[in-house]
Amino acid sequence: MRSLRSHDGQATVELVALLPLLGVLAALLWQALLAGETVWLSGTAARAAARAVAVGRDPLAAARAVLPARLERGLRVRREVDGAIALVLHVPAALGDGTLAPVTARARFEAQR
């Protein structure tokens, strides 16, 4: 006969209790990776758009050419007064279909003749 104070299965109960915390931690890590990728690619796309302007091409098409399709939603490219290109991307949400904060990157190249 077993005692009511037996500890059989205690590790299983503790693991099951920690699973939601591990899920939230994994989602936060994934979100951080998505945000980092968006920041990195926004700089790359801004440089591509600025190069396109410098040689007389379409900056929006150049930016889209270097971005994955999932980041093109909400993409904005504008020329600023000083001749730079400002590119705005939205960080995609790790869960769901939404977006989070916008990321702005700037780049400038002198016009080529």
PDB file of N, CA and C in Angstrom:
ATOM      1  N   MET A   1       0.825  -1.174   0.000  1.00  0.00           N
ATOM      2  CA  MET A   1       0.000   0.000   0.000  1.00  0.00           C
ATOM      3  C   MET A   1       0.878   1.248   0.000  1.00  0.00           C
ATOM      4  N   ARG A   2       0.511   2.212  -0.834  1.00  0.00           N
ATOM      5  CA  ARG A   2       1.321   3.417  -0.967  1.00  0.00           C
ATOM      6  C   ARG A   2       0.842   4.512  -0.034  1.00  0.00           C
ATOM      7  N   SER A   3       1.754   5.326   0.317  1.00  0.00           N
ATOM      8  CA  SER A   3       1.439   6.471   1.175  1.00  0.00           C
ATOM      9  C   SER A   3       0.849   7.595   0.323  1.00  0.00           C
ATOM     10  N   LEU A   4       0.015   8.424   0.890  1.00  0.00           N
ATOM     11  CA  LEU A   4      -0.534   9.585   0.184  1.00  0.00           C
ATOM     12  C   LEU A   4       0.533  10.623  -0.104  1.00  0.00           C
ATOM     13  N   ARG A   5       1.642  10.508   0.523  1.00  0.00           N
ATOM     14  CA  ARG A   5       2.728  11.469   0.336  1.00  0.00           C
ATOM     15  C   ARG A   5       3.730  10.997  -0.715  1.00  0.00           C
ATOM     16  N   SER A   6       3.383  10.041  -1.524  1.00  0.00           N
ATOM     17  CA  SER A   6       4.261   9.527  -2.556  1.00  0.00           C
ATOM     18  C   SER A   6       4.544  10.604  -3.602  1.00  0.00           C
ATOM     19  N   HIS A   7       5.729  10.606  -4.144  1.00  0.00           N
ATOM     20  CA  HIS A   7       6.143  11.613  -5.123  1.00  0.00           C
ATOM     21  C   HIS A   7       6.179  11.056  -6.540  1.00  0.00           C
ATOM     22  N   ASP A   8       5.560   9.927  -6.770  1.00  0.00           N
ATOM     23  CA  ASP A   8       5.508   9.349  -8.113  1.00  0.00           C
ATOM     24  C   ASP A   8       4.758  10.289  -9.045  1.00  0.00           C
ATOM     25  N   GLY A   9       5.354  10.580 -10.193  1.00  0.00           N
ATOM     26  CA  GLY A   9       4.699  11.434 -11.183  1.00  0.00           C
ATOM     27  C   GLY A   9       4.893  12.920 -10.962  1.00  0.00           C
ATOM     28  N   GLN A  10       5.628  13.307  -9.944  1.00  0.00           N
ATOM     29  CA  GLN A  10       5.819  14.729  -9.655  1.00  0.00           C
ATOM     30  C   GLN A  10       6.554  15.436 -10.794  1.00  0.00           C
ATOM     31  N   ALA A  11       7.545  14.795 -11.381  1.00  0.00           N
ATOM     32  CA  ALA A  11       8.292  15.402 -12.486  1.00  0.00           C
ATOM     33  C   ALA A  11       7.385  15.633 -13.693  1.00  0.00           C
ATOM     34  N   THR A  12       6.475  14.708 -13.941  1.00  0.00           N
ATOM     35  CA  THR A  12       5.541  14.859 -15.057  1.00  0.00           C
ATOM     36  C   THR A  12       4.617  16.039 -14.831  1.00  0.00           C
ATOM     37  N   VAL A  13       4.125  16.185 -13.638  1.00  0.00           N
ATOM     38  CA  VAL A  13       3.240  17.300 -13.300  1.00  0.00           C
ATOM     39  C   VAL A  13       3.973  18.626 -13.451  1.00  0.00           C
ATOM     40  N   GLU A  14       5.216  18.683 -13.015  1.00  0.00           N
ATOM     41  CA  GLU A  14       5.996  19.920 -13.133  1.00  0.00           C
ATOM     42  C   GLU A  14       6.281  20.250 -14.593  1.00  0.00           C
ATOM     43  N   LEU A  15       6.557  19.242 -15.407  1.00  0.00           N
ATOM     44  CA  LEU A  15       6.796  19.475 -16.828  1.00  0.00           C
ATOM     45  C   LEU A  15       5.538  20.006 -17.509  1.00  0.00           C
ATOM     46  N   VAL A  16       4.403  19.408 -17.226  1.00  0.00           N
ATOM     47  CA  VAL A  16       3.141  19.865 -17.811  1.00  0.00           C
ATOM     48  C   VAL A  16       2.841  21.296 -17.379  1.00  0.00           C
ATOM     49  N   ALA A  17       3.180  21.642 -16.160  1.00  0.00           N
ATOM     50  CA  ALA A  17       2.952  23.007 -15.681  1.00  0.00           C
ATOM     51  C   ALA A  17       3.872  24.006 -16.391  1.00  0.00           C
ATOM     52  N   LEU A  18       5.048  23.579 -16.822  1.00  0.00           N
ATOM     53  CA  LEU A  18       5.998  24.471 -17.490  1.00  0.00           C
ATOM     54  C   LEU A  18       5.768  24.603 -18.995  1.00  0.00           C
ATOM     55  N   LEU A  19       4.984  23.717 -19.597  1.00  0.00           N
ATOM     56  CA  LEU A  19       4.788  23.752 -21.046  1.00  0.00           C
ATOM     57  C   LEU A  19       4.226  25.088 -21.556  1.00  0.00           C
ATOM     58  N   PRO A  20       3.228  25.699 -20.914  1.00  0.00           N
ATOM     59  CA  PRO A  20       2.774  27.011 -21.403  1.00  0.00           C
ATOM     60  C   PRO A  20       3.874  28.072 -21.356  1.00  0.00           C
ATOM     61  N   LEU A  21       4.687  28.052 -20.319  1.00  0.00           N
ATOM     62  CA  LEU A  21       5.787  29.012 -20.217  1.00  0.00           C
ATOM     63  C   LEU A  21       6.800  28.787 -21.336  1.00  0.00           C
ATOM     64  N   LEU A  22       7.096  27.536 -21.639  1.00  0.00           N
ATOM     65  CA  LEU A  22       8.024  27.240 -22.738  1.00  0.00           C
ATOM     66  C   LEU A  22       7.445  27.680 -24.076  1.00  0.00           C
ATOM     67  N   GLY A  23       6.131  27.536 -24.261  1.00  0.00           N
ATOM     68  CA  GLY A  23       5.485  27.984 -25.494  1.00  0.00           C
ATOM     69  C   GLY A  23       5.571  29.493 -25.659  1.00  0.00           C
ATOM     70  N   VAL A  24       5.324  30.229 -24.587  1.00  0.00           N
ATOM     71  CA  VAL A  24       5.416  31.693 -24.636  1.00  0.00           C
ATOM     72  C   VAL A  24       6.855  32.120 -24.908  1.00  0.00           C
ATOM     73  N   LEU A  25       7.796  31.471 -24.269  1.00  0.00           N
ATOM     74  CA  LEU A  25       9.209  31.791 -24.489  1.00  0.00           C
ATOM     75  C   LEU A  25       9.618  31.543 -25.938  1.00  0.00           C
ATOM     76  N   ALA A  26       9.152  30.438 -26.512  1.00  0.00           N
ATOM     77  CA  ALA A  26       9.463  30.136 -27.920  1.00  0.00           C
ATOM     78  C   ALA A  26       8.842  31.181 -28.849  1.00  0.00           C
ATOM     79  N   ALA A  27       7.607  31.613 -28.561  1.00  0.00           N
ATOM     80  CA  ALA A  27       6.948  32.628 -29.391  1.00  0.00           C
ATOM     81  C   ALA A  27       7.689  33.965 -29.299  1.00  0.00           C
ATOM     82  N   LEU A  28       8.132  34.336 -28.111  1.00  0.00           N
ATOM     83  CA  LEU A  28       8.885  35.589 -27.956  1.00  0.00           C
ATOM     84  C   LEU A  28      10.224  35.532 -28.689  1.00  0.00           C
ATOM     85  N   LEU A  29      10.884  34.398 -28.628  1.00  0.00           N
ATOM     86  CA  LEU A  29      12.150  34.233 -29.348  1.00  0.00           C
ATOM     87  C   LEU A  29      11.928  34.334 -30.857  1.00  0.00           C
ATOM     88  N   TRP A  30      10.882  33.686 -31.347  1.00  0.00           N
ATOM     89  CA  TRP A  30      10.560  33.749 -32.775  1.00  0.00           C
ATOM     90  C   TRP A  30      10.253  35.189 -33.191  1.00  0.00           C
ATOM     91  N   GLN A  31       9.513  35.932 -32.355  1.00  0.00           N
ATOM     92  CA  GLN A  31       9.190  37.322 -32.657  1.00  0.00           C
ATOM     93  C   GLN A  31      10.453  38.178 -32.713  1.00  0.00           C
ATOM     94  N   ALA A  32      11.374  37.942 -31.804  1.00  0.00           N
ATOM     95  CA  ALA A  32      12.641  38.683 -31.818  1.00  0.00           C
ATOM     96  C   ALA A  32      13.426  38.392 -33.098  1.00  0.00           C
ATOM     97  N   LEU A  33      13.424  37.142 -33.543  1.00  0.00           N
ATOM     98  CA  LEU A  33      14.109  36.803 -34.790  1.00  0.00           C
ATOM     99  C   LEU A  33      13.449  37.482 -35.996  1.00  0.00           C
ATOM    100  N   LEU A  34      12.121  37.520 -36.016  1.00  0.00           N
ATOM    101  CA  LEU A  34      11.420  38.203 -37.108  1.00  0.00           C
ATOM    102  C   LEU A  34      11.729  39.697 -37.119  1.00  0.00           C
ATOM    103  N   ALA A  35      11.784  40.304 -35.944  1.00  0.00           N
ATOM    104  CA  ALA A  35      12.099  41.731 -35.865  1.00  0.00           C
ATOM    105  C   ALA A  35      13.524  41.994 -36.353  1.00  0.00           C
ATOM    106  N   GLY A  36      14.463  41.163 -35.959  1.00  0.00           N
ATOM    107  CA  GLY A  36      15.841  41.326 -36.410  1.00  0.00           C
ATOM    108  C   GLY A  36      15.980  41.162 -37.913  1.00  0.00           C
ATOM    109  N   GLU A  37      15.282  40.185 -38.455  1.00  0.00           N
ATOM    110  CA  GLU A  37      15.313  39.980 -39.908  1.00  0.00           C
ATOM    111  C   GLU A  37      14.725  41.191 -40.639  1.00  0.00           C
ATOM    112  N   THR A  38      13.645  41.745 -40.107  1.00  0.00           N
ATOM    113  CA  THR A  38      13.014  42.902 -40.738  1.00  0.00           C
ATOM    114  C   THR A  38      13.935  44.110 -40.723  1.00  0.00           C
ATOM    115  N   VAL A  39      14.599  44.348 -39.604  1.00  0.00           N
ATOM    116  CA  VAL A  39      15.549  45.470 -39.525  1.00  0.00           C
ATOM    117  C   VAL A  39      16.681  45.274 -40.524  1.00  0.00           C
ATOM    118  N   TRP A  40      17.217  44.067 -40.584  1.00  0.00           N
ATOM    119  CA  TRP A  40      18.324  43.773 -41.502  1.00  0.00           C
ATOM    120  C   TRP A  40      17.891  43.971 -42.963  1.00  0.00           C
ATOM    121  N   LEU A  41      16.751  43.407 -43.320  1.00  0.00           N
ATOM    122  CA  LEU A  41      16.300  43.487 -44.705  1.00  0.00           C
ATOM    123  C   LEU A  41      15.815  44.881 -45.083  1.00  0.00           C
ATOM    124  N   SER A  42      15.365  45.669 -44.124  1.00  0.00           N
ATOM    125  CA  SER A  42      14.957  47.042 -44.452  1.00  0.00           C
ATOM    126  C   SER A  42      16.164  47.862 -44.911  1.00  0.00           C
ATOM    127  N   GLY A  43      17.305  47.660 -44.285  1.00  0.00           N
ATOM    128  CA  GLY A  43      18.515  48.344 -44.722  1.00  0.00           C
ATOM    129  C   GLY A  43      18.955  47.902 -46.104  1.00  0.00           C
ATOM    130  N   THR A  44      18.867  46.606 -46.356  1.00  0.00           N
ATOM    131  CA  THR A  44      19.227  46.075 -47.663  1.00  0.00           C
ATOM    132  C   THR A  44      18.304  46.624 -48.752  1.00  0.00           C
ATOM    133  N   ALA A  45      17.006  46.651 -48.475  1.00  0.00           N
ATOM    134  CA  ALA A  45      16.041  47.149 -49.457  1.00  0.00           C
ATOM    135  C   ALA A  45      16.201  48.651 -49.681  1.00  0.00           C
ATOM    136  N   ALA A  46      16.515  49.396 -48.624  1.00  0.00           N
ATOM    137  CA  ALA A  46      16.722  50.844 -48.777  1.00  0.00           C
ATOM    138  C   ALA A  46      17.939  51.123 -49.654  1.00  0.00           C
ATOM    139  N   ARG A  47      19.009  50.369 -49.464  1.00  0.00           N
ATOM    140  CA  ARG A  47      20.200  50.548 -50.314  1.00  0.00           C
ATOM    141  C   ARG A  47      19.897  50.190 -51.764  1.00  0.00           C
ATOM    142  N   ALA A  48      19.128  49.117 -51.977  1.00  0.00           N
ATOM    143  CA  ALA A  48      18.768  48.732 -53.347  1.00  0.00           C
ATOM    144  C   ALA A  48      17.908  49.817 -53.995  1.00  0.00           C
ATOM    145  N   ALA A  49      16.982  50.394 -53.247  1.00  0.00           N
ATOM    146  CA  ALA A  49      16.132  51.463 -53.789  1.00  0.00           C
ATOM    147  C   ALA A  49      16.956  52.708 -54.097  1.00  0.00           C
ATOM    148  N   ALA A  50      17.905  53.042 -53.226  1.00  0.00           N
ATOM    149  CA  ALA A  50      18.750  54.213 -53.469  1.00  0.00           C
ATOM    150  C   ALA A  50      19.637  54.005 -54.691  1.00  0.00           C
ATOM    151  N   ARG A  51      20.168  52.808 -54.865  1.00  0.00           N
ATOM    152  CA  ARG A  51      20.960  52.519 -56.067  1.00  0.00           C
ATOM    153  C   ARG A  51      20.104  52.642 -57.319  1.00  0.00           C
ATOM    154  N   ALA A  52      18.857  52.173 -57.240  1.00  0.00           N
ATOM    155  CA  ALA A  52      17.956  52.263 -58.389  1.00  0.00           C
ATOM    156  C   ALA A  52      17.696  53.715 -58.762  1.00  0.00           C
ATOM    157  N   VAL A  53      17.485  54.567 -57.785  1.00  0.00           N
ATOM    158  CA  VAL A  53      17.262  55.988 -58.057  1.00  0.00           C
ATOM    159  C   VAL A  53      18.509  56.605 -58.682  1.00  0.00           C
ATOM    160  N   ALA A  54      19.687  56.201 -58.187  1.00  0.00           N
ATOM    161  CA  ALA A  54      20.938  56.760 -58.695  1.00  0.00           C
ATOM    162  C   ALA A  54      21.162  56.444 -60.171  1.00  0.00           C
ATOM    163  N   VAL A  55      20.608  55.349 -60.653  1.00  0.00           N
ATOM    164  CA  VAL A  55      20.782  54.995 -62.064  1.00  0.00           C
ATOM    165  C   VAL A  55      19.499  55.181 -62.867  1.00  0.00           C
ATOM    166  N   GLY A  56      18.512  55.855 -62.274  1.00  0.00           N
ATOM    167  CA  GLY A  56      17.295  56.196 -63.007  1.00  0.00           C
ATOM    168  C   GLY A  56      16.257  55.093 -63.115  1.00  0.00           C
ATOM    169  N   ARG A  57      16.216  54.194 -62.158  1.00  0.00           N
ATOM    170  CA  ARG A  57      15.237  53.089 -62.180  1.00  0.00           C
ATOM    171  C   ARG A  57      14.199  53.276 -61.078  1.00  0.00           C
ATOM    172  N   ASP A  58      13.215  52.397 -61.058  1.00  0.00           N
ATOM    173  CA  ASP A  58      12.123  52.452 -60.088  1.00  0.00           C
ATOM    174  C   ASP A  58      12.588  51.954 -58.713  1.00  0.00           C
ATOM    175  N   PRO A  59      12.550  52.807 -57.671  1.00  0.00           N
ATOM    176  CA  PRO A  59      13.028  52.381 -56.359  1.00  0.00           C
ATOM    177  C   PRO A  59      12.125  51.344 -55.688  1.00  0.00           C
ATOM    178  N   LEU A  60      10.815  51.428 -55.913  1.00  0.00           N
ATOM    179  CA  LEU A  60       9.903  50.464 -55.298  1.00  0.00           C
ATOM    180  C   LEU A  60      10.132  49.060 -55.858  1.00  0.00           C
ATOM    181  N   ALA A  61      10.314  48.965 -57.161  1.00  0.00           N
ATOM    182  CA  ALA A  61      10.590  47.660 -57.772  1.00  0.00           C
ATOM    183  C   ALA A  61      11.916  47.090 -57.280  1.00  0.00           C
ATOM    184  N   ALA A  62      12.906  47.943 -57.112  1.00  0.00           N
ATOM    185  CA  ALA A  62      14.207  47.483 -56.627  1.00  0.00           C
ATOM    186  C   ALA A  62      14.115  46.984 -55.189  1.00  0.00           C
ATOM    187  N   ALA A  63      13.345  47.691 -54.358  1.00  0.00           N
ATOM    188  CA  ALA A  63      13.173  47.259 -52.968  1.00  0.00           C
ATOM    189  C   ALA A  63      12.423  45.936 -52.905  1.00  0.00           C
ATOM    190  N   ARG A  64      11.383  45.793 -53.710  1.00  0.00           N
ATOM    191  CA  ARG A  64      10.611  44.539 -53.716  1.00  0.00           C
ATOM    192  C   ARG A  64      11.440  43.361 -54.208  1.00  0.00           C
ATOM    193  N   ALA A  65      12.386  43.622 -55.076  1.00  0.00           N
ATOM    194  CA  ALA A  65      13.210  42.540 -55.626  1.00  0.00           C
ATOM    195  C   ALA A  65      14.080  41.876 -54.568  1.00  0.00           C
ATOM    196  N   VAL A  66      14.436  42.591 -53.524  1.00  0.00           N
ATOM    197  CA  VAL A  66      15.306  42.015 -52.492  1.00  0.00           C
ATOM    198  C   VAL A  66      14.542  41.562 -51.253  1.00  0.00           C
ATOM    199  N   LEU A  67      13.249  41.838 -51.185  1.00  0.00           N
ATOM    200  CA  LEU A  67      12.456  41.466 -50.010  1.00  0.00           C
ATOM    201  C   LEU A  67      11.676  40.181 -50.249  1.00  0.00           C
ATOM    202  N   PRO A  68      11.542  39.352 -49.209  1.00  0.00           N
ATOM    203  CA  PRO A  68      10.627  38.218 -49.339  1.00  0.00           C
ATOM    204  C   PRO A  68       9.186  38.721 -49.385  1.00  0.00           C
ATOM    205  N   ALA A  69       8.311  37.966 -49.982  1.00  0.00           N
ATOM    206  CA  ALA A  69       6.918  38.398 -50.183  1.00  0.00           C
ATOM    207  C   ALA A  69       6.219  38.732 -48.875  1.00  0.00           C
ATOM    208  N   ARG A  70       6.556  38.053 -47.788  1.00  0.00           N
ATOM    209  CA  ARG A  70       5.873  38.302 -46.517  1.00  0.00           C
ATOM    210  C   ARG A  70       6.161  39.683 -45.940  1.00  0.00           C
ATOM    211  N   LEU A  71       7.231  40.334 -46.393  1.00  0.00           N
ATOM    212  CA  LEU A  71       7.559  41.664 -45.878  1.00  0.00           C
ATOM    213  C   LEU A  71       7.085  42.786 -46.789  1.00  0.00           C
ATOM    214  N   GLU A  72       6.556  42.458 -47.946  1.00  0.00           N
ATOM    215  CA  GLU A  72       6.146  43.506 -48.888  1.00  0.00           C
ATOM    216  C   GLU A  72       4.846  44.199 -48.491  1.00  0.00           C
ATOM    217  N   ARG A  73       4.047  43.568 -47.651  1.00  0.00           N
ATOM    218  CA  ARG A  73       2.789  44.185 -47.242  1.00  0.00           C
ATOM    219  C   ARG A  73       3.075  45.444 -46.416  1.00  0.00           C
ATOM    220  N   GLY A  74       2.545  46.563 -46.843  1.00  0.00           N
ATOM    221  CA  GLY A  74       2.758  47.818 -46.138  1.00  0.00           C
ATOM    222  C   GLY A  74       4.066  48.509 -46.472  1.00  0.00           C
ATOM    223  N   LEU A  75       4.796  48.000 -47.455  1.00  0.00           N
ATOM    224  CA  LEU A  75       6.066  48.609 -47.861  1.00  0.00           C
ATOM    225  C   LEU A  75       5.825  50.005 -48.412  1.00  0.00           C
ATOM    226  N   ARG A  76       6.600  50.969 -47.932  1.00  0.00           N
ATOM    227  CA  ARG A  76       6.537  52.337 -48.460  1.00  0.00           C
ATOM    228  C   ARG A  76       7.956  52.805 -48.752  1.00  0.00           C
ATOM    229  N   VAL A  77       8.114  53.411 -49.918  1.00  0.00           N
ATOM    230  CA  VAL A  77       9.396  53.979 -50.322  1.00  0.00           C
ATOM    231  C   VAL A  77       9.140  55.426 -50.704  1.00  0.00           C
ATOM    232  N   ARG A  78       9.920  56.337 -50.119  1.00  0.00           N
ATOM    233  CA  ARG A  78       9.737  57.747 -50.485  1.00  0.00           C
ATOM    234  C   ARG A  78      11.105  58.427 -50.588  1.00  0.00           C
ATOM    235  N   ARG A  79      11.135  59.429 -51.478  1.00  0.00           N
ATOM    236  CA  ARG A  79      12.348  60.242 -51.614  1.00  0.00           C
ATOM    237  C   ARG A  79      12.248  61.395 -50.638  1.00  0.00           C
ATOM    238  N   GLU A  80      13.322  61.670 -49.959  1.00  0.00           N
ATOM    239  CA  GLU A  80      13.337  62.761 -49.004  1.00  0.00           C
ATOM    240  C   GLU A  80      13.977  63.993 -49.635  1.00  0.00           C
ATOM    241  N   VAL A  81      13.864  65.114 -48.961  1.00  0.00           N
ATOM    242  CA  VAL A  81      14.338  66.399 -49.485  1.00  0.00           C
ATOM    243  C   VAL A  81      15.834  66.370 -49.789  1.00  0.00           C
ATOM    244  N   ASP A  82      16.614  65.693 -48.950  1.00  0.00           N
ATOM    245  CA  ASP A  82      18.069  65.663 -49.149  1.00  0.00           C
ATOM    246  C   ASP A  82      18.508  64.639 -50.198  1.00  0.00           C
ATOM    247  N   GLY A  83      17.561  63.989 -50.866  1.00  0.00           N
ATOM    248  CA  GLY A  83      17.880  63.025 -51.904  1.00  0.00           C
ATOM    249  C   GLY A  83      17.976  61.594 -51.419  1.00  0.00           C
ATOM    250  N   ALA A  84      17.836  61.389 -50.128  1.00  0.00           N
ATOM    251  CA  ALA A  84      17.899  60.029 -49.579  1.00  0.00           C
ATOM    252  C   ALA A  84      16.588  59.297 -49.848  1.00  0.00           C
ATOM    253  N   ILE A  85      16.644  58.007 -49.706  1.00  0.00           N
ATOM    254  CA  ILE A  85      15.458  57.156 -49.810  1.00  0.00           C
ATOM    255  C   ILE A  85      15.109  56.687 -48.409  1.00  0.00           C
ATOM    256  N   ALA A  86      13.854  56.845 -48.031  1.00  0.00           N
ATOM    257  CA  ALA A  86      13.362  56.313 -46.759  1.00  0.00           C
ATOM    258  C   ALA A  86      12.432  55.152 -47.077  1.00  0.00           C
ATOM    259  N   LEU A  87      12.685  54.033 -46.466  1.00  0.00           N
ATOM    260  CA  LEU A  87      11.906  52.829 -46.704  1.00  0.00           C
ATOM    261  C   LEU A  87      11.290  52.388 -45.382  1.00  0.00           C
ATOM    262  N   VAL A  88       9.998  52.079 -45.390  1.00  0.00           N
ATOM    263  CA  VAL A  88       9.294  51.662 -44.183  1.00  0.00           C
ATOM    264  C   VAL A  88       8.751  50.252 -44.390  1.00  0.00           C
ATOM    265  N   LEU A  89       9.095  49.371 -43.457  1.00  0.00           N
ATOM    266  CA  LEU A  89       8.564  48.004 -43.415  1.00  0.00           C
ATOM    267  C   LEU A  89       7.879  47.802 -42.070  1.00  0.00           C
ATOM    268  N   HIS A  90       6.947  46.866 -42.027  1.00  0.00           N
ATOM    269  CA  HIS A  90       6.299  46.514 -40.762  1.00  0.00           C
ATOM    270  C   HIS A  90       6.785  45.144 -40.322  1.00  0.00           C
ATOM    271  N   VAL A  91       7.109  45.024 -39.043  1.00  0.00           N
ATOM    272  CA  VAL A  91       7.544  43.741 -38.489  1.00  0.00           C
ATOM    273  C   VAL A  91       6.339  42.807 -38.445  1.00  0.00           C
ATOM    274  N   PRO A  92       6.423  41.637 -39.084  1.00  0.00           N
ATOM    275  CA  PRO A  92       5.287  40.714 -39.041  1.00  0.00           C
ATOM    276  C   PRO A  92       5.154  40.090 -37.656  1.00  0.00           C
ATOM    277  N   ALA A  93       3.924  39.820 -37.256  1.00  0.00           N
ATOM    278  CA  ALA A  93       3.669  39.178 -35.969  1.00  0.00           C
ATOM    279  C   ALA A  93       3.996  37.693 -36.075  1.00  0.00           C
ATOM    280  N   ALA A  94       4.606  37.162 -35.031  1.00  0.00           N
ATOM    281  CA  ALA A  94       4.950  35.739 -35.020  1.00  0.00           C
ATOM    282  C   ALA A  94       3.700  34.870 -34.961  1.00  0.00           C
ATOM    283  N   LEU A  95       2.696  35.354 -34.277  1.00  0.00           N
ATOM    284  CA  LEU A  95       1.432  34.627 -34.169  1.00  0.00           C
ATOM    285  C   LEU A  95       0.332  35.452 -34.813  1.00  0.00           C
ATOM    286  N   GLY A  96      -0.424  34.862 -35.657  1.00  0.00           N
ATOM    287  CA  GLY A  96      -1.489  35.592 -36.326  1.00  0.00           C
ATOM    288  C   GLY A  96      -1.020  36.159 -37.650  1.00  0.00           C
ATOM    289  N   ASP A  97      -1.880  36.998 -38.228  1.00  0.00           N
ATOM    290  CA  ASP A  97      -1.599  37.537 -39.560  1.00  0.00           C
ATOM    291  C   ASP A  97      -1.300  39.022 -39.523  1.00  0.00           C
ATOM    292  N   GLY A  98      -1.123  39.606 -38.358  1.00  0.00           N
ATOM    293  CA  GLY A  98      -0.932  41.045 -38.231  1.00  0.00           C
ATOM    294  C   GLY A  98       0.513  41.478 -38.349  1.00  0.00           C
ATOM    295  N   THR A  99       0.696  42.753 -38.111  1.00  0.00           N
ATOM    296  CA  THR A  99       2.045  43.319 -38.098  1.00  0.00           C
ATOM    297  C   THR A  99       2.228  44.102 -36.810  1.00  0.00           C
ATOM    298  N   LEU A 100       3.475  44.357 -36.487  1.00  0.00           N
ATOM    299  CA  LEU A 100       3.805  45.117 -35.291  1.00  0.00           C
ATOM    300  C   LEU A 100       4.374  46.463 -35.717  1.00  0.00           C
ATOM    301  N   ALA A 101       5.307  46.954 -34.999  1.00  0.00           N
ATOM    302  CA  ALA A 101       5.870  48.286 -35.202  1.00  0.00           C
ATOM    303  C   ALA A 101       6.527  48.436 -36.573  1.00  0.00           C
ATOM    304  N   PRO A 102       6.462  49.650 -37.137  1.00  0.00           N
ATOM    305  CA  PRO A 102       7.168  49.896 -38.399  1.00  0.00           C
ATOM    306  C   PRO A 102       8.667  50.098 -38.164  1.00  0.00           C
ATOM    307  N   VAL A 103       9.442  49.753 -39.176  1.00  0.00           N
ATOM    308  CA  VAL A 103      10.892  49.938 -39.165  1.00  0.00           C
ATOM    309  C   VAL A 103      11.225  50.835 -40.345  1.00  0.00           C
ATOM    310  N   THR A 104      11.997  51.884 -40.103  1.00  0.00           N
ATOM    311  CA  THR A 104      12.383  52.805 -41.173  1.00  0.00           C
ATOM    312  C   THR A 104      13.887  52.721 -41.400  1.00  0.00           C
ATOM    313  N   ALA A 105      14.278  52.616 -42.652  1.00  0.00           N
ATOM    314  CA  ALA A 105      15.694  52.610 -43.019  1.00  0.00           C
ATOM    315  C   ALA A 105      15.914  53.686 -44.073  1.00  0.00           C
ATOM    316  N   ARG A 106      17.080  54.304 -44.032  1.00  0.00           N
ATOM    317  CA  ARG A 106      17.426  55.358 -45.001  1.00  0.00           C
ATOM    318  C   ARG A 106      18.712  54.996 -45.701  1.00  0.00           C
ATOM    319  N   ALA A 107      18.790  55.367 -46.966  1.00  0.00           N
ATOM    320  CA  ALA A 107      20.015  55.172 -47.746  1.00  0.00           C
ATOM    321  C   ALA A 107      20.095  56.264 -48.791  1.00  0.00           C
ATOM    322  N   ARG A 108      21.328  56.541 -49.207  1.00  0.00           N
ATOM    323  CA  ARG A 108      21.524  57.599 -50.212  1.00  0.00           C
ATOM    324  C   ARG A 108      22.738  57.250 -51.076  1.00  0.00           C
ATOM    325  N   PHE A 109      22.560  57.400 -52.385  1.00  0.00           N
ATOM    326  CA  PHE A 109      23.644  57.270 -53.341  1.00  0.00           C
ATOM    327  C   PHE A 109      23.601  58.490 -54.242  1.00  0.00           C
ATOM    328  N   GLU A 110      24.752  58.917 -54.667  1.00  0.00           N
ATOM    329  CA  GLU A 110      24.810  60.025 -55.603  1.00  0.00           C
ATOM    330  C   GLU A 110      24.385  59.537 -56.988  1.00  0.00           C
ATOM    331  N   ALA A 111      23.720  60.401 -57.732  1.00  0.00           N
ATOM    332  CA  ALA A 111      23.266  60.052 -59.088  1.00  0.00           C
ATOM    333  C   ALA A 111      24.479  59.737 -59.973  1.00  0.00           C
ATOM    334  N   GLN A 112      24.343  58.704 -60.787  1.00  0.00           N
ATOM    335  CA  GLN A 112      25.410  58.291 -61.697  1.00  0.00           C
ATOM    336  C   GLN A 112      25.129  58.838 -63.081  1.00  0.00           C
ATOM    337  N   ARG A 113      26.159  59.301 -63.729  1.00  0.00           N
ATOM    338  CA  ARG A 113      25.996  59.866 -65.069  1.00  0.00           C
ATOM    339  C   ARG A 113      26.707  59.032 -66.089  1.00  0.00           C
TER     340      ARG A 113
END
